PDB file of N, CA and C in Angstrom:
ATOM      1  N   MET A   1      16.061   5.066 -19.476  1.00  0.00           N
ATOM      2  CA  MET A   1      14.630   4.928 -19.247  1.00  0.00           C
ATOM      3  C   MET A   1      14.363   4.858 -17.745  1.00  0.00           C
ATOM      4  N   SER A   2      13.541   5.759 -17.233  1.00  0.00           N
ATOM      5  CA  SER A   2      13.248   5.775 -15.810  1.00  0.00           C
ATOM      6  C   SER A   2      12.145   4.769 -15.486  1.00  0.00           C
ATOM      7  N   LYS A   3      12.214   4.222 -14.296  1.00  0.00           N
ATOM      8  CA  LYS A   3      11.203   3.256 -13.866  1.00  0.00           C
ATOM      9  C   LYS A   3       9.940   3.985 -13.443  1.00  0.00           C
ATOM     10  N   LYS A   4       8.806   3.405 -13.746  1.00  0.00           N
ATOM     11  CA  LYS A   4       7.531   3.985 -13.331  1.00  0.00           C
ATOM     12  C   LYS A   4       7.347   3.717 -11.847  1.00  0.00           C
ATOM     13  N   THR A   5       6.814   4.727 -11.146  1.00  0.00           N
ATOM     14  CA  THR A   5       6.553   4.566  -9.721  1.00  0.00           C
ATOM     15  C   THR A   5       5.119   4.961  -9.429  1.00  0.00           C
ATOM     16  N   VAL A   6       4.649   4.504  -8.276  1.00  0.00           N
ATOM     17  CA  VAL A   6       3.312   4.837  -7.815  1.00  0.00           C
ATOM     18  C   VAL A   6       3.440   5.244  -6.346  1.00  0.00           C
ATOM     19  N   LYS A   7       2.765   6.323  -5.963  1.00  0.00           N
ATOM     20  CA  LYS A   7       2.822   6.809  -4.585  1.00  0.00           C
ATOM     21  C   LYS A   7       1.601   6.281  -3.833  1.00  0.00           C
ATOM     22  N   VAL A   8       1.846   5.589  -2.724  1.00  0.00           N
ATOM     23  CA  VAL A   8       0.787   4.977  -1.930  1.00  0.00           C
ATOM     24  C   VAL A   8       0.803   5.587  -0.535  1.00  0.00           C
ATOM     25  N   THR A   9      -0.372   5.978  -0.032  1.00  0.00           N
ATOM     26  CA  THR A   9      -0.497   6.582   1.290  1.00  0.00           C
ATOM     27  C   THR A   9      -1.498   5.785   2.112  1.00  0.00           C
ATOM     28  N   LEU A  10      -1.142   5.459   3.352  1.00  0.00           N
ATOM     29  CA  LEU A  10      -2.048   4.761   4.263  1.00  0.00           C
ATOM     30  C   LEU A  10      -3.023   5.780   4.845  1.00  0.00           C
ATOM     31  N   VAL A  11      -4.326   5.605   4.624  1.00  0.00           N
ATOM     32  CA  VAL A  11      -5.314   6.583   5.088  1.00  0.00           C
ATOM     33  C   VAL A  11      -6.230   6.026   6.170  1.00  0.00           C
ATOM     34  N   ARG A  12      -6.268   4.712   6.348  1.00  0.00           N
ATOM     35  CA  ARG A  12      -7.074   4.111   7.417  1.00  0.00           C
ATOM     36  C   ARG A  12      -6.225   3.100   8.159  1.00  0.00           C
ATOM     37  N   SER A  13      -6.541   2.898   9.424  1.00  0.00           N
ATOM     38  CA  SER A  13      -5.798   1.958  10.239  1.00  0.00           C
ATOM     39  C   SER A  13      -6.137   0.520   9.859  1.00  0.00           C
ATOM     40  N   PRO A  14      -5.121  -0.342   9.778  1.00  0.00           N
ATOM     41  CA  PRO A  14      -5.392  -1.751   9.492  1.00  0.00           C
ATOM     42  C   PRO A  14      -5.869  -2.533  10.722  1.00  0.00           C
ATOM     43  N   ASN A  15      -5.967  -1.861  11.882  1.00  0.00           N
ATOM     44  CA  ASN A  15      -6.491  -2.536  13.076  1.00  0.00           C
ATOM     45  C   ASN A  15      -7.910  -3.005  12.826  1.00  0.00           C
ATOM     46  N   GLY A  16      -8.196  -4.233  13.219  1.00  0.00           N
ATOM     47  CA  GLY A  16      -9.533  -4.773  13.045  1.00  0.00           C
ATOM     48  C   GLY A  16      -9.767  -5.394  11.679  1.00  0.00           C
ATOM     49  N   THR A  17      -8.735  -5.412  10.830  1.00  0.00           N
ATOM     50  CA  THR A  17      -8.867  -6.053   9.525  1.00  0.00           C
ATOM     51  C   THR A  17      -8.249  -7.447   9.587  1.00  0.00           C
ATOM     52  N   ARG A  18      -8.370  -8.179   8.487  1.00  0.00           N
ATOM     53  CA  ARG A  18      -7.781  -9.517   8.427  1.00  0.00           C
ATOM     54  C   ARG A  18      -6.268  -9.450   8.597  1.00  0.00           C
ATOM     55  N   GLY A  19      -5.721 -10.510   9.150  1.00  0.00           N
ATOM     56  CA  GLY A  19      -4.275 -10.571   9.342  1.00  0.00           C
ATOM     57  C   GLY A  19      -3.508 -10.470   8.045  1.00  0.00           C
ATOM     58  N   THR A  20      -4.065 -11.055   6.974  1.00  0.00           N
ATOM     59  CA  THR A  20      -3.371 -10.994   5.684  1.00  0.00           C
ATOM     60  C   THR A  20      -3.346  -9.568   5.151  1.00  0.00           C
ATOM     61  N   HIS A  21      -4.383  -8.788   5.463  1.00  0.00           N
ATOM     62  CA  HIS A  21      -4.414  -7.395   5.007  1.00  0.00           C
ATOM     63  C   HIS A  21      -3.410  -6.558   5.790  1.00  0.00           C
ATOM     64  N   LYS A  22      -3.264  -6.827   7.083  1.00  0.00           N
ATOM     65  CA  LYS A  22      -2.252  -6.127   7.883  1.00  0.00           C
ATOM     66  C   LYS A  22      -0.858  -6.425   7.332  1.00  0.00           C
ATOM     67  N   ALA A  23      -0.632  -7.701   6.988  1.00  0.00           N
ATOM     68  CA  ALA A  23       0.667  -8.100   6.451  1.00  0.00           C
ATOM     69  C   ALA A  23       0.928  -7.438   5.101  1.00  0.00           C
ATOM     70  N   THR A  24      -0.112  -7.275   4.298  1.00  0.00           N
ATOM     71  CA  THR A  24       0.030  -6.632   2.992  1.00  0.00           C
ATOM     72  C   THR A  24       0.404  -5.169   3.157  1.00  0.00           C
ATOM     73  N   VAL A  25      -0.231  -4.487   4.115  1.00  0.00           N
ATOM     74  CA  VAL A  25       0.094  -3.082   4.375  1.00  0.00           C
ATOM     75  C   VAL A  25       1.558  -2.962   4.806  1.00  0.00           C
ATOM     76  N   LEU A  26       2.008  -3.861   5.679  1.00  0.00           N
ATOM     77  CA  LEU A  26       3.414  -3.851   6.092  1.00  0.00           C
ATOM     78  C   LEU A  26       4.326  -4.163   4.914  1.00  0.00           C
ATOM     79  N   GLY A  27       3.876  -5.058   4.032  1.00  0.00           N
ATOM     80  CA  GLY A  27       4.655  -5.406   2.847  1.00  0.00           C
ATOM     81  C   GLY A  27       4.833  -4.230   1.910  1.00  0.00           C
ATOM     82  N   LEU A  28       3.866  -3.331   1.920  1.00  0.00           N
ATOM     83  CA  LEU A  28       3.982  -2.109   1.121  1.00  0.00           C
ATOM     84  C   LEU A  28       4.891  -1.089   1.797  1.00  0.00           C
ATOM     85  N   GLY A  29       5.293  -1.371   3.035  1.00  0.00           N
ATOM     86  CA  GLY A  29       6.193  -0.476   3.755  1.00  0.00           C
ATOM     87  C   GLY A  29       5.483   0.622   4.513  1.00  0.00           C
ATOM     88  N   LEU A  30       4.190   0.424   4.801  1.00  0.00           N
ATOM     89  CA  LEU A  30       3.403   1.453   5.494  1.00  0.00           C
ATOM     90  C   LEU A  30       3.141   1.020   6.928  1.00  0.00           C
ATOM     91  N   LYS A  31       3.509   1.889   7.871  1.00  0.00           N
ATOM     92  CA  LYS A  31       3.324   1.559   9.284  1.00  0.00           C
ATOM     93  C   LYS A  31       2.409   2.542  10.002  1.00  0.00           C
ATOM     94  N   LYS A  32       2.433   3.806   9.586  1.00  0.00           N
ATOM     95  CA  LYS A  32       1.646   4.833  10.268  1.00  0.00           C
ATOM     96  C   LYS A  32       0.656   5.472   9.307  1.00  0.00           C
ATOM     97  N   ILE A  33      -0.452   5.955   9.849  1.00  0.00           N
ATOM     98  CA  ILE A  33      -1.444   6.640   9.027  1.00  0.00           C
ATOM     99  C   ILE A  33      -0.818   7.910   8.446  1.00  0.00           C
ATOM    100  N   ASN A  34      -1.155   8.201   7.208  1.00  0.00           N
ATOM    101  CA  ASN A  34      -0.630   9.334   6.424  1.00  0.00           C
ATOM    102  C   ASN A  34       0.818   9.155   5.999  1.00  0.00           C
ATOM    103  N   GLN A  35       1.381   7.980   6.216  1.00  0.00           N
ATOM    104  CA  GLN A  35       2.725   7.691   5.724  1.00  0.00           C
ATOM    105  C   GLN A  35       2.625   7.345   4.234  1.00  0.00           C
ATOM    106  N   SER A  36       3.552   7.851   3.438  1.00  0.00           N
ATOM    107  CA  SER A  36       3.552   7.598   1.996  1.00  0.00           C
ATOM    108  C   SER A  36       4.821   6.887   1.586  1.00  0.00           C
ATOM    109  N   ARG A  37       4.716   6.114   0.510  1.00  0.00           N
ATOM    110  CA  ARG A  37       5.866   5.434  -0.073  1.00  0.00           C
ATOM    111  C   ARG A  37       5.797   5.538  -1.583  1.00  0.00           C
ATOM    112  N   GLU A  38       6.932   5.699  -2.216  1.00  0.00           N
ATOM    113  CA  GLU A  38       7.049   5.632  -3.665  1.00  0.00           C
ATOM    114  C   GLU A  38       7.493   4.215  -3.991  1.00  0.00           C
ATOM    115  N   LEU A  39       6.642   3.467  -4.689  1.00  0.00           N
ATOM    116  CA  LEU A  39       6.945   2.083  -5.006  1.00  0.00           C
ATOM    117  C   LEU A  39       7.010   1.899  -6.510  1.00  0.00           C
ATOM    118  N   GLU A  40       7.801   0.918  -6.939  1.00  0.00           N
ATOM    119  CA  GLU A  40       7.893   0.596  -8.350  1.00  0.00           C
ATOM    120  C   GLU A  40       6.549   0.036  -8.820  1.00  0.00           C
ATOM    121  N   ASP A  41       6.116   0.461  -9.989  1.00  0.00           N
ATOM    122  CA  ASP A  41       4.814   0.062 -10.516  1.00  0.00           C
ATOM    123  C   ASP A  41       4.922  -1.293 -11.211  1.00  0.00           C
ATOM    124  N   THR A  42       4.763  -2.368 -10.419  1.00  0.00           N
ATOM    125  CA  THR A  42       4.829  -3.727 -10.952  1.00  0.00           C
ATOM    126  C   THR A  42       3.485  -4.408 -10.729  1.00  0.00           C
ATOM    127  N   PRO A  43       3.220  -5.494 -11.436  1.00  0.00           N
ATOM    128  CA  PRO A  43       1.965  -6.222 -11.210  1.00  0.00           C
ATOM    129  C   PRO A  43       1.804  -6.700  -9.764  1.00  0.00           C
ATOM    130  N   ALA A  44       2.905  -7.075  -9.113  1.00  0.00           N
ATOM    131  CA  ALA A  44       2.832  -7.536  -7.721  1.00  0.00           C
ATOM    132  C   ALA A  44       2.387  -6.406  -6.792  1.00  0.00           C
ATOM    133  N   VAL A  45       2.967  -5.234  -6.979  1.00  0.00           N
ATOM    134  CA  VAL A  45       2.601  -4.084  -6.149  1.00  0.00           C
ATOM    135  C   VAL A  45       1.155  -3.680  -6.427  1.00  0.00           C
ATOM    136  N   ARG A  46       0.761  -3.704  -7.702  1.00  0.00           N
ATOM    137  CA  ARG A  46      -0.626  -3.375  -8.055  1.00  0.00           C
ATOM    138  C   ARG A  46      -1.601  -4.332  -7.383  1.00  0.00           C
ATOM    139  N   GLY A  47      -1.259  -5.604  -7.322  1.00  0.00           N
ATOM    140  CA  GLY A  47      -2.116  -6.594  -6.670  1.00  0.00           C
ATOM    141  C   GLY A  47      -2.241  -6.339  -5.178  1.00  0.00           C
ATOM    142  N   MET A  48      -1.135  -5.949  -4.547  1.00  0.00           N
ATOM    143  CA  MET A  48      -1.159  -5.644  -3.120  1.00  0.00           C
ATOM    144  C   MET A  48      -2.032  -4.419  -2.857  1.00  0.00           C
ATOM    145  N   ILE A  49      -1.918  -3.411  -3.721  1.00  0.00           N
ATOM    146  CA  ILE A  49      -2.733  -2.204  -3.569  1.00  0.00           C
ATOM    147  C   ILE A  49      -4.210  -2.538  -3.743  1.00  0.00           C
ATOM    148  N   ASN A  50      -4.522  -3.374  -4.721  1.00  0.00           N
ATOM    149  CA  ASN A  50      -5.910  -3.794  -4.939  1.00  0.00           C
ATOM    150  C   ASN A  50      -6.482  -4.491  -3.722  1.00  0.00           C
ATOM    151  N   LYS A  51      -5.673  -5.327  -3.079  1.00  0.00           N
ATOM    152  CA  LYS A  51      -6.134  -6.109  -1.936  1.00  0.00           C
ATOM    153  C   LYS A  51      -6.528  -5.214  -0.762  1.00  0.00           C
ATOM    154  N   VAL A  52      -5.795  -4.137  -0.545  1.00  0.00           N
ATOM    155  CA  VAL A  52      -6.071  -3.246   0.590  1.00  0.00           C
ATOM    156  C   VAL A  52      -6.493  -1.871   0.119  1.00  0.00           C
ATOM    157  N   SER A  53      -7.204  -1.816  -0.982  1.00  0.00           N
ATOM    158  CA  SER A  53      -7.580  -0.523  -1.588  1.00  0.00           C
ATOM    159  C   SER A  53      -8.437   0.338  -0.662  1.00  0.00           C
ATOM    160  N   TYR A  54      -9.150  -0.307   0.266  1.00  0.00           N
ATOM    161  CA  TYR A  54      -9.986   0.444   1.210  1.00  0.00           C
ATOM    162  C   TYR A  54      -9.195   1.074   2.341  1.00  0.00           C
ATOM    163  N   LEU A  55      -7.905   0.774   2.419  1.00  0.00           N
ATOM    164  CA  LEU A  55      -7.031   1.332   3.457  1.00  0.00           C
ATOM    165  C   LEU A  55      -6.036   2.357   2.922  1.00  0.00           C
ATOM    166  N   VAL A  56      -5.811   2.359   1.617  1.00  0.00           N
ATOM    167  CA  VAL A  56      -4.772   3.214   1.046  1.00  0.00           C
ATOM    168  C   VAL A  56      -5.331   4.136  -0.022  1.00  0.00           C
ATOM    169  N   ARG A  57      -4.554   5.177  -0.314  1.00  0.00           N
ATOM    170  CA  ARG A  57      -4.868   6.104  -1.418  1.00  0.00           C
ATOM    171  C   ARG A  57      -3.669   6.091  -2.356  1.00  0.00           C
ATOM    172  N   VAL A  58      -3.955   6.044  -3.661  1.00  0.00           N
ATOM    173  CA  VAL A  58      -2.897   6.011  -4.660  1.00  0.00           C
ATOM    174  C   VAL A  58      -2.848   7.371  -5.348  1.00  0.00           C
ATOM    175  N   ASP A  59      -1.669   7.979  -5.381  1.00  0.00           N
ATOM    176  CA  ASP A  59      -1.503   9.284  -6.030  1.00  0.00           C
ATOM    177  C   ASP A  59      -0.702   9.100  -7.312  1.00  0.00           C
TER     178      ASP A  59
END
């Protein structure tokens, strides 16, 4: 059984946002705009994506 994954791309800069949101973006492994990561689809990752949904795009 393969693990479900979700692709997350940083589309806006976290500069000027709350410190916790910057930390969340780094926690997702995103450092540069247009950088993408394949992450395991867990409730924790979903919560992080929800928190910074205005900065990222989910494919």
